[in-house]
Amino acid sequence: MLSKHLRATAALAASLLPTAAFADYQVDILPPVTPVSQEIYDLHFGILWVCVAIFFVVFGAMFWSIFKHRKAAGAKAAQFHENTTIEVIWTIVPFVILIGMAYPATKTVLDMKDASNADITVKVTAYQWKWEYDYLQDGVKFLSHLSTPRDQIDEYNGPGAKKNENYLLEVDEPMVVPVGKKVRVLITSNDVIHGWYVPQLGVNQYGIPGFIKDAWFTIDKAGVYRGQCSQICGKEHGFMPIVVIAKTPAEYAAWARDMKAKMPAPMAAAPGAAAT
């Protein structure tokens, strides 16, 4: 009977191999592209491997003890009430492990908070359900909306049901920044609490009405980086994507000139003005 079940399991596994060969899996954290996101990535896996080591040591000792000292093998339980040496060891070792994890974690948090000496400052204002980007030095301001066609969202069958690769992650006006420049983002909200979250940049900051929270990033290489609102903010919370495009400094300067030329005169004349 057991052999029959094993053969059936093996046949099922073999039948799934062709589908697995063409699957596009994402089982890891998205690749970091900023110094802070690289620190977060390294910290995550550093602590993960510490936890894995603790798991094997603790459960290895437990299962070895269960097997080695089982009653069926004639083992008899030792009778003792205290052991100062063991108590000191199991106090000091966890303390050292915690300090070893706390030091890089604290360094990462401090680096995340250091938004000083930024090359570019962008005020990000969240609305239900869009983002406004205001480049304070360059005098560029625009709104960014979801650009996924409505028929892709509303239709489950028919021609509009087919979803593209970046379904619900496309916008009409992306945020554009230069590669290698420190960008400070000042994040607030005009209505409810939102969250400006772009995983590859290592930024996840609340947008709270009446408050301004800041974060920063320096992107190492040109590319397109996507995120979403990370706080439940209403019925179309899932329709607030974030797209950040990193370009060379020359391409960024040209983009800023083009955007400023397209802006209405009152907005272009008053960079940094609050949205109404």
Protein backbone atom coordinates (compact mmCIF):
# COMPACT_ATOMS: atom_id res chain seq x y z
CA MET A 1 0.00 0.00 0.00
CA LEU A 2 2.81 2.40 0.94
CA SER A 3 4.64 1.61 -2.30
CA LYS A 4 1.49 2.39 -4.27
CA HIS A 5 1.17 5.80 -2.60
CA LEU A 6 4.84 6.58 -3.23
CA ARG A 7 4.48 5.76 -6.92
CA ALA A 8 1.41 7.99 -7.18
CA THR A 9 3.23 10.87 -5.46
CA ALA A 10 6.25 10.49 -7.74
CA ALA A 11 4.02 10.49 -10.82
CA LEU A 12 2.26 13.66 -9.67
CA ALA A 13 5.58 15.41 -9.01
CA ALA A 14 6.88 14.41 -12.44
CA SER A 15 3.73 15.73 -14.11
CA LEU A 16 4.28 19.15 -12.50
CA LEU A 17 7.88 19.54 -13.69
CA PRO A 18 7.02 20.96 -17.16
CA THR A 19 4.88 23.72 -15.62
CA ALA A 20 7.54 24.57 -13.04
CA ALA A 21 10.19 24.92 -15.74
CA PHE A 22 8.44 27.95 -17.24
CA ALA A 23 7.16 29.56 -14.04
CA ASP A 24 8.41 33.03 -13.13
CA TYR A 25 8.98 32.78 -9.40
CA GLN A 26 9.84 35.61 -7.00
CA VAL A 27 10.84 34.06 -3.68
CA ASP A 28 13.31 36.70 -2.55
CA ILE A 29 13.25 40.33 -1.53
CA LEU A 30 13.38 42.67 -4.53
CA PRO A 31 16.99 43.62 -5.34
CA PRO A 32 18.06 46.76 -3.43
CA VAL A 33 19.13 49.82 -5.44
CA THR A 34 19.93 52.33 -2.69
CA PRO A 35 22.43 52.28 0.20
CA VAL A 36 19.64 52.07 2.78
CA SER A 37 17.76 49.28 1.00
CA GLN A 38 21.06 47.37 0.73
CA GLU A 39 21.55 47.76 4.49
CA ILE A 40 18.00 46.53 5.11
CA TYR A 41 18.60 43.57 2.79
CA ASP A 42 21.86 42.60 4.51
CA LEU A 43 20.33 43.07 7.97
CA HIS A 44 17.35 40.90 7.07
CA PHE A 45 19.45 37.98 5.90
CA GLY A 46 22.02 38.40 8.67
CA ILE A 47 19.32 38.06 11.34
CA LEU A 48 17.65 35.28 9.35
CA TRP A 49 20.81 33.15 9.44
CA VAL A 50 21.25 33.84 13.16
CA CYS A 51 17.70 32.57 13.71
CA VAL A 52 18.34 29.53 11.52
CA ALA A 53 21.47 28.69 13.54
CA ILE A 54 19.54 29.05 16.81
CA PHE A 55 16.78 26.83 15.42
CA PHE A 56 19.17 23.99 14.59
CA VAL A 57 21.08 24.27 17.87
CA VAL A 58 17.95 24.31 20.05
CA PHE A 59 15.92 21.70 18.19
CA GLY A 60 19.00 19.60 17.46
CA ALA A 61 19.79 19.42 21.18
CA MET A 62 16.15 18.74 22.01
CA PHE A 63 15.66 15.89 19.54
CA TRP A 64 19.08 14.40 20.33
CA SER A 65 18.16 14.39 24.03
CA ILE A 66 14.76 12.85 23.32
CA PHE A 67 16.35 10.05 21.29
CA LYS A 68 19.50 9.48 23.34
CA HIS A 69 17.84 9.54 26.74
CA ARG A 70 14.56 7.84 25.94
CA LYS A 71 13.11 5.53 28.54
CA ALA A 72 12.90 2.64 26.06
CA ALA A 73 16.71 2.64 25.85
CA GLY A 74 16.99 2.34 29.62
CA ALA A 75 17.86 5.98 30.35
CA LYS A 76 17.03 7.36 33.78
CA ALA A 77 16.30 11.01 34.41
CA ALA A 78 18.99 12.93 36.29
CA GLN A 79 17.87 14.68 39.45
CA PHE A 80 19.26 18.19 39.97
CA HIS A 81 17.82 21.55 40.94
CA GLU A 82 20.35 24.11 39.70
CA ASN A 83 23.55 24.49 37.73
CA THR A 84 25.21 27.88 38.02
CA THR A 85 27.47 27.38 35.01
CA ILE A 86 24.59 26.52 32.68
CA GLU A 87 22.49 29.41 34.00
CA VAL A 88 25.32 31.86 33.36
CA ILE A 89 25.82 30.48 29.84
CA TRP A 90 22.16 30.70 28.86
CA THR A 91 22.05 34.26 30.14
CA ILE A 92 25.25 35.54 28.52
CA VAL A 93 24.87 33.85 25.12
CA PRO A 94 21.41 35.34 24.30
CA PHE A 95 22.63 38.73 25.54
CA VAL A 96 25.62 38.63 23.18
CA ILE A 97 23.38 37.52 20.29
CA LEU A 98 20.93 40.38 20.93
CA ILE A 99 23.73 42.96 21.08
CA GLY A 100 25.18 41.53 17.87
CA MET A 101 21.82 42.02 16.13
CA ALA A 102 21.00 45.36 17.76
CA TYR A 103 24.18 47.12 16.61
CA PRO A 104 23.64 46.78 12.81
CA ALA A 105 19.89 47.31 13.26
CA THR A 106 20.46 50.58 15.12
CA LYS A 107 22.99 51.72 12.51
CA THR A 108 20.47 51.01 9.74
CA VAL A 109 17.70 52.95 11.51
CA LEU A 110 20.00 55.94 12.04
CA ASP A 111 21.04 55.88 8.38
CA MET A 112 17.37 55.74 7.32
CA LYS A 113 16.64 58.88 9.34
CA ASP A 114 19.58 60.95 8.05
CA ALA A 115 17.91 63.02 5.33
CA SER A 116 20.38 65.91 5.65
CA ASN A 117 22.41 67.41 2.79
CA ALA A 118 19.95 66.35 0.10
CA ASP A 119 20.57 67.33 -3.52
CA ILE A 120 16.86 67.35 -4.39
CA THR A 121 13.79 67.80 -2.19
CA VAL A 122 10.40 66.57 -3.35
CA LYS A 123 7.19 67.16 -1.43
CA VAL A 124 4.83 64.20 -1.85
CA THR A 125 1.18 64.82 -1.00
CA ALA A 126 -1.23 61.88 -0.91
CA TYR A 127 -4.86 62.14 -1.96
CA GLN A 128 -7.66 59.64 -2.38
CA TRP A 129 -6.47 58.17 -4.74
CA LYS A 130 -3.47 59.82 -6.35
CA TRP A 131 -0.10 61.38 -5.53
CA GLU A 132 1.15 64.92 -6.02
CA TYR A 133 4.88 65.54 -6.54
CA ASP A 134 6.29 69.01 -5.93
CA TYR A 135 9.99 69.48 -6.80
CA LEU A 136 10.85 72.40 -4.54
CA GLN A 137 14.14 73.39 -6.20
CA ASP A 138 13.08 72.84 -9.80
CA GLY A 139 9.60 74.36 -9.65
CA VAL A 140 7.95 71.25 -11.09
CA LYS A 141 4.61 70.00 -9.77
CA PHE A 142 2.23 67.37 -11.11
CA LEU A 143 -0.32 64.74 -10.13
CA SER A 144 0.27 61.04 -10.66
CA HIS A 145 -2.73 58.75 -11.28
CA LEU A 146 -3.19 55.06 -11.98
CA SER A 147 -3.08 54.56 -15.75
CA THR A 148 -4.26 50.94 -15.95
CA PRO A 149 -7.26 50.89 -18.34
CA ARG A 150 -10.54 50.70 -16.48
CA ASP A 151 -11.71 47.71 -18.52
CA GLN A 152 -8.81 45.65 -17.13
CA ILE A 153 -10.04 46.43 -13.62
CA ASP A 154 -13.79 45.97 -14.18
CA GLU A 155 -13.91 43.05 -16.63
CA TYR A 156 -13.32 39.45 -15.59
CA ASN A 157 -14.14 38.07 -19.03
CA GLY A 158 -13.80 39.39 -22.53
CA PRO A 159 -11.07 41.43 -24.25
CA GLY A 160 -10.54 43.76 -21.30
CA ALA A 161 -9.85 40.97 -18.82
CA LYS A 162 -6.27 40.31 -19.96
CA LYS A 163 -3.78 41.84 -17.51
CA ASN A 164 -0.35 43.13 -18.48
CA GLU A 165 2.86 42.55 -16.53
CA ASN A 166 2.50 45.70 -14.42
CA TYR A 167 -1.21 45.47 -13.78
CA LEU A 168 -2.26 48.23 -11.31
CA LEU A 169 1.36 49.44 -11.18
CA GLU A 170 1.37 51.92 -14.07
CA VAL A 171 0.90 55.69 -13.72
CA ASP A 172 0.35 58.55 -16.14
CA GLU A 173 3.13 60.70 -14.62
CA PRO A 174 5.97 58.92 -12.79
CA MET A 175 8.31 60.51 -10.30
CA VAL A 176 11.68 61.07 -11.99
CA VAL A 177 14.99 61.44 -10.13
CA PRO A 178 18.66 61.53 -11.13
CA VAL A 179 20.97 58.61 -10.47
CA GLY A 180 23.58 59.17 -7.78
CA LYS A 181 21.84 62.16 -6.17
CA LYS A 182 20.43 62.21 -2.66
CA VAL A 183 16.67 62.77 -2.85
CA ARG A 184 14.72 63.86 0.21
CA VAL A 185 10.98 63.26 0.14
CA LEU A 186 8.64 65.23 2.40
CA ILE A 187 5.50 63.15 2.75
CA THR A 188 2.08 64.36 3.89
CA SER A 189 -1.58 63.77 3.12
CA ASN A 190 -4.55 65.92 2.19
CA ASP A 191 -7.26 63.60 3.56
CA VAL A 192 -6.55 60.27 5.36
CA ILE A 193 -3.42 58.35 6.32
CA HIS A 194 -1.53 56.94 3.34
CA GLY A 195 1.85 55.23 3.01
CA TRP A 196 4.50 56.01 0.36
CA TYR A 197 6.18 52.63 -0.13
CA VAL A 198 8.77 51.66 -2.75
CA PRO A 199 10.48 48.42 -1.64
CA GLN A 200 13.61 48.65 -3.79
CA LEU A 201 14.34 52.14 -2.45
CA GLY A 202 14.01 51.05 1.18
CA VAL A 203 11.36 53.70 1.84
CA ASN A 204 8.02 53.15 3.57
CA GLN A 205 6.81 56.37 5.17
CA TYR A 206 3.38 57.44 6.40
CA GLY A 207 1.58 60.39 4.87
CA ILE A 208 -0.43 61.89 7.74
CA PRO A 209 -2.77 64.90 7.41
CA GLY A 210 -1.32 67.92 9.19
CA PHE A 211 2.16 66.39 9.54
CA ILE A 212 5.21 66.16 7.29
CA LYS A 213 7.35 63.03 7.54
CA ASP A 214 10.59 62.73 5.61
CA ALA A 215 12.68 59.98 4.07
CA TRP A 216 15.52 59.83 1.58
CA PHE A 217 17.16 57.66 -1.04
CA THR A 218 20.06 57.67 -3.49
CA ILE A 219 19.48 55.34 -6.43
CA ASP A 220 22.58 53.54 -7.68
CA LYS A 221 21.48 52.69 -11.21
CA ALA A 222 18.99 53.86 -13.80
CA GLY A 223 15.72 51.97 -13.95
CA VAL A 224 12.04 51.85 -13.10
CA TYR A 225 11.05 51.11 -9.51
CA ARG A 226 7.48 50.49 -8.45
CA GLY A 227 5.56 50.70 -5.20
CA GLN A 228 2.11 51.25 -3.76
CA CYS A 229 0.23 52.96 -0.96
CA SER A 230 0.88 50.81 2.12
CA GLN A 231 -2.01 52.03 4.30
CA ILE A 232 -5.66 51.10 3.82
CA CYS A 233 -7.06 54.46 2.73
CA GLY A 234 -10.47 53.78 1.23
CA LYS A 235 -12.28 51.84 -1.47
CA GLU A 236 -9.62 52.49 -4.14
CA HIS A 237 -6.60 51.96 -1.92
CA GLY A 238 -5.32 49.36 -4.39
CA PHE A 239 -5.34 51.95 -7.19
CA MET A 240 -2.54 54.19 -5.82
CA PRO A 241 0.64 52.89 -7.45
CA ILE A 242 3.98 54.67 -7.24
CA VAL A 243 6.47 54.67 -10.11
CA VAL A 244 9.95 56.12 -9.67
CA ILE A 245 12.19 56.39 -12.74
CA ALA A 246 15.90 56.97 -12.19
CA LYS A 247 17.68 58.70 -15.09
CA THR A 248 21.13 60.11 -15.68
CA PRO A 249 21.60 63.69 -14.39
CA ALA A 250 21.51 65.04 -17.96
CA GLU A 251 18.29 63.17 -18.76
CA TYR A 252 16.78 64.35 -15.49
CA ALA A 253 17.65 67.99 -16.25
CA ALA A 254 16.01 67.69 -19.68
CA TRP A 255 12.92 66.08 -18.13
CA ALA A 256 12.65 68.89 -15.54
CA ARG A 257 12.84 71.53 -18.28
CA ASP A 258 10.17 69.79 -20.33
CA MET A 259 7.86 69.35 -17.34
CA LYS A 260 8.25 72.97 -16.29
CA ALA A 261 7.48 74.14 -19.82
CA LYS A 262 4.26 72.09 -19.83
CA MET A 263 3.04 73.41 -16.48
CA PRO A 264 0.35 76.12 -16.29
CA ALA A 265 1.85 79.56 -15.69
CA PRO A 266 0.57 80.04 -12.10
CA MET A 267 2.01 76.69 -10.97
CA ALA A 268 5.35 77.25 -12.69
CA ALA A 269 5.63 80.71 -11.13
CA ALA A 270 5.06 79.46 -7.59
CA PRO A 271 7.12 76.31 -7.00
CA GLY A 272 6.39 74.62 -3.70
CA ALA A 273 2.93 76.15 -3.33
CA ALA A 274 0.43 73.99 -1.49
CA ALA A 275 -2.22 72.13 -3.48
CA THR A 276 -5.77 73.37 -3.26
